[in-house]
Structures are given as C-alpha cells and as structure tokens.
Amino acid sequence: VQLQASGGGLVQAGGSLRLTCLASGGVFSSFTMAWYRQSPGNQREWVGGMSSSGGANYADSVKGRFTISRDNAKNVLSLQMNNLKPEDTAVYYCKAVTRGDIYWGQGTQVTVSS
C-alpha cells in the first residue's frame, strides 16, 4: 500500500484548504483511514479518522471546522479544512490501517498565516 498526500499550501487565517490522500495497492474500501499532523517541536497528533464503513471522528481542536470524506471508487481520502487558524500549521499525514498493518503517506505542509 502506498499513500500520496497532496493539497497543502499557504493560506491566510480563516481560509480553507482541501487535502487529498491517494492510495494505491490493497483494497481501499476496507482501510481504516486517518489524518495526523505534526508541527515543529511537537509530537504527531491525530486529527481525525474514518472507518471503512464511513464513520468519522475528529479531534476536539478541529471539530466543526474539518471534514473527512472518502471516495472508494477513486481510492481517495480527503480532508476539507475550513476556518483555518495559525495553530493548524503543520505537516499533515494520512494513515491507512489494513489487516493490522499501518501505512503512512509522505506528508503535505499546511501553513496558516495570521
């Protein structure tokens, strides 16, 4: 399984970005997927996740602003980020879990200016 995250960039506070994670290999519809982020000097933190059945959960810090979705036909996981804040600045990673194995994408940088 390979994961390729994209869509990061520089945005002003209050703006929006949409990240995507393209998966190849395996059966994407069976994957449990998640987004994580890591800012300098901090540990990687969970942003939110989506089960294979489509149920989503979010960290309190992003609830109401971020939305995770998946397109099983296109093998794509998305993260719609609205009302971005400077504290959302981080490298964002997607993660797949399947049959007990864990896979990570390469990360995409999101920078939110104040």
Protein backbone atom coordinates (compact mmCIF):
# COMPACT_ATOMS: atom_id res chain seq x y z
CA VAL A 1 0.00 0.00 0.00
CA GLN A 2 1.29 3.45 -0.93
CA LEU A 3 -0.24 6.73 0.13
CA GLN A 4 0.36 10.09 -1.52
CA ALA A 5 -0.89 13.19 0.24
CA SER A 6 -1.27 16.49 -1.56
CA GLY A 7 -3.10 19.80 -1.40
CA GLY A 8 -1.13 21.63 1.22
CA GLY A 9 -0.09 25.23 0.87
CA LEU A 10 -0.06 28.68 2.36
CA VAL A 11 -3.37 30.23 3.36
CA GLN A 12 -4.49 33.15 5.49
CA ALA A 13 -6.30 32.61 8.75
CA GLY A 14 -9.97 32.00 8.09
CA GLY A 15 -9.26 30.41 4.75
CA SER A 16 -9.77 26.88 3.50
CA LEU A 17 -7.72 24.06 2.04
CA ARG A 18 -8.57 20.58 0.86
CA LEU A 19 -6.05 17.82 1.30
CA THR A 20 -6.25 14.54 -0.55
CA CYS A 21 -4.61 11.19 0.01
CA LEU A 22 -4.41 8.85 -2.94
CA ALA A 23 -3.99 5.19 -2.07
CA SER A 24 -2.60 2.52 -4.31
CA GLY A 25 -2.42 -1.18 -3.60
CA GLY A 26 -4.73 -3.15 -1.40
CA VAL A 27 -8.47 -2.78 -1.12
CA PHE A 28 -9.03 0.86 -0.21
CA SER A 29 -12.65 0.37 0.78
CA SER A 30 -11.52 -1.94 3.59
CA PHE A 31 -8.96 0.50 5.02
CA THR A 32 -9.42 2.44 8.20
CA MET A 33 -8.04 5.87 7.33
CA ALA A 34 -6.87 8.80 9.38
CA TRP A 35 -5.23 12.18 9.17
CA TYR A 36 -2.46 13.24 11.52
CA ARG A 37 -0.39 16.38 11.75
CA GLN A 38 2.94 17.37 13.21
CA SER A 39 4.29 20.83 13.87
CA PRO A 40 7.91 21.63 14.73
CA GLY A 41 8.86 20.54 18.23
CA ASN A 42 5.62 18.65 18.75
CA GLN A 43 4.57 15.05 18.53
CA ARG A 44 2.44 13.85 15.69
CA GLU A 45 -1.19 14.26 16.66
CA TRP A 46 -4.36 12.65 15.42
CA VAL A 47 -6.66 15.00 13.52
CA GLY A 48 -9.46 12.65 12.64
CA GLY A 49 -10.28 9.32 11.13
CA MET A 50 -12.78 7.45 9.05
CA SER A 51 -13.69 3.79 9.29
CA SER A 52 -14.23 1.53 6.32
CA SER A 53 -17.97 1.97 6.82
CA GLY A 54 -17.66 5.75 6.56
CA GLY A 55 -18.00 6.78 10.18
CA ALA A 56 -15.82 9.76 11.06
CA ASN A 57 -14.37 11.10 14.28
CA TYR A 58 -12.42 14.28 14.92
CA ALA A 59 -10.08 15.79 17.45
CA ASP A 60 -11.75 18.47 19.54
CA SER A 61 -9.37 21.07 18.14
CA VAL A 62 -10.75 20.65 14.60
CA LYS A 63 -14.31 19.54 15.21
CA GLY A 64 -16.75 21.70 13.29
CA ARG A 65 -14.03 23.05 11.00
CA PHE A 66 -12.57 19.96 9.35
CA THR A 67 -14.43 17.26 7.44
CA ILE A 68 -13.09 13.90 6.33
CA SER A 69 -14.55 12.09 3.36
CA ARG A 70 -13.58 9.15 1.20
CA ASP A 71 -14.23 8.10 -2.36
CA ASN A 72 -13.75 4.37 -2.55
CA ALA A 73 -14.16 4.34 -6.31
CA LYS A 74 -11.17 6.68 -6.68
CA ASN A 75 -9.15 5.38 -3.69
CA VAL A 76 -9.05 8.88 -2.24
CA LEU A 77 -9.35 10.19 1.29
CA SER A 78 -9.97 13.90 1.65
CA LEU A 79 -9.69 16.44 4.43
CA GLN A 80 -11.64 19.64 3.95
CA MET A 81 -10.27 22.29 6.27
CA ASN A 82 -12.28 25.45 6.83
CA ASN A 83 -11.77 28.46 9.07
CA LEU A 84 -8.10 27.64 9.35
CA LYS A 85 -6.11 29.03 12.26
CA PRO A 86 -2.38 29.67 12.63
CA GLU A 87 -2.24 26.78 15.09
CA ASP A 88 -3.31 24.43 12.30
CA THR A 89 0.10 24.97 10.71
CA ALA A 90 1.77 21.58 10.43
CA VAL A 91 2.76 18.80 8.11
CA TYR A 92 -0.31 16.68 7.52
CA TYR A 93 -0.05 12.93 7.03
CA CYS A 94 -2.56 10.33 6.00
CA LYS A 95 -2.51 6.89 7.52
CA ALA A 96 -4.07 3.62 6.47
CA VAL A 97 -4.64 0.58 8.61
CA THR A 98 -5.46 -2.71 6.98
CA ARG A 99 -5.19 -6.22 8.32
CA GLY A 100 -3.13 -4.95 11.23
CA ASP A 101 -0.57 -3.23 9.02
CA ILE A 102 -0.03 0.53 9.15
CA TYR A 103 0.96 2.72 6.23
CA TRP A 104 1.83 6.42 6.15
CA GLY A 105 1.86 8.97 3.37
CA GLN A 106 4.76 11.35 2.91
CA GLY A 107 3.06 14.43 4.38
CA THR A 108 1.98 17.75 2.95
CA GLN A 109 2.77 21.12 4.50
CA VAL A 110 -0.04 23.42 5.58
CA THR A 111 0.89 26.92 6.67
CA VAL A 112 -1.70 29.33 8.01
CA SER A 113 -0.65 32.96 8.31
CA SER A 114 -2.24 35.33 10.79
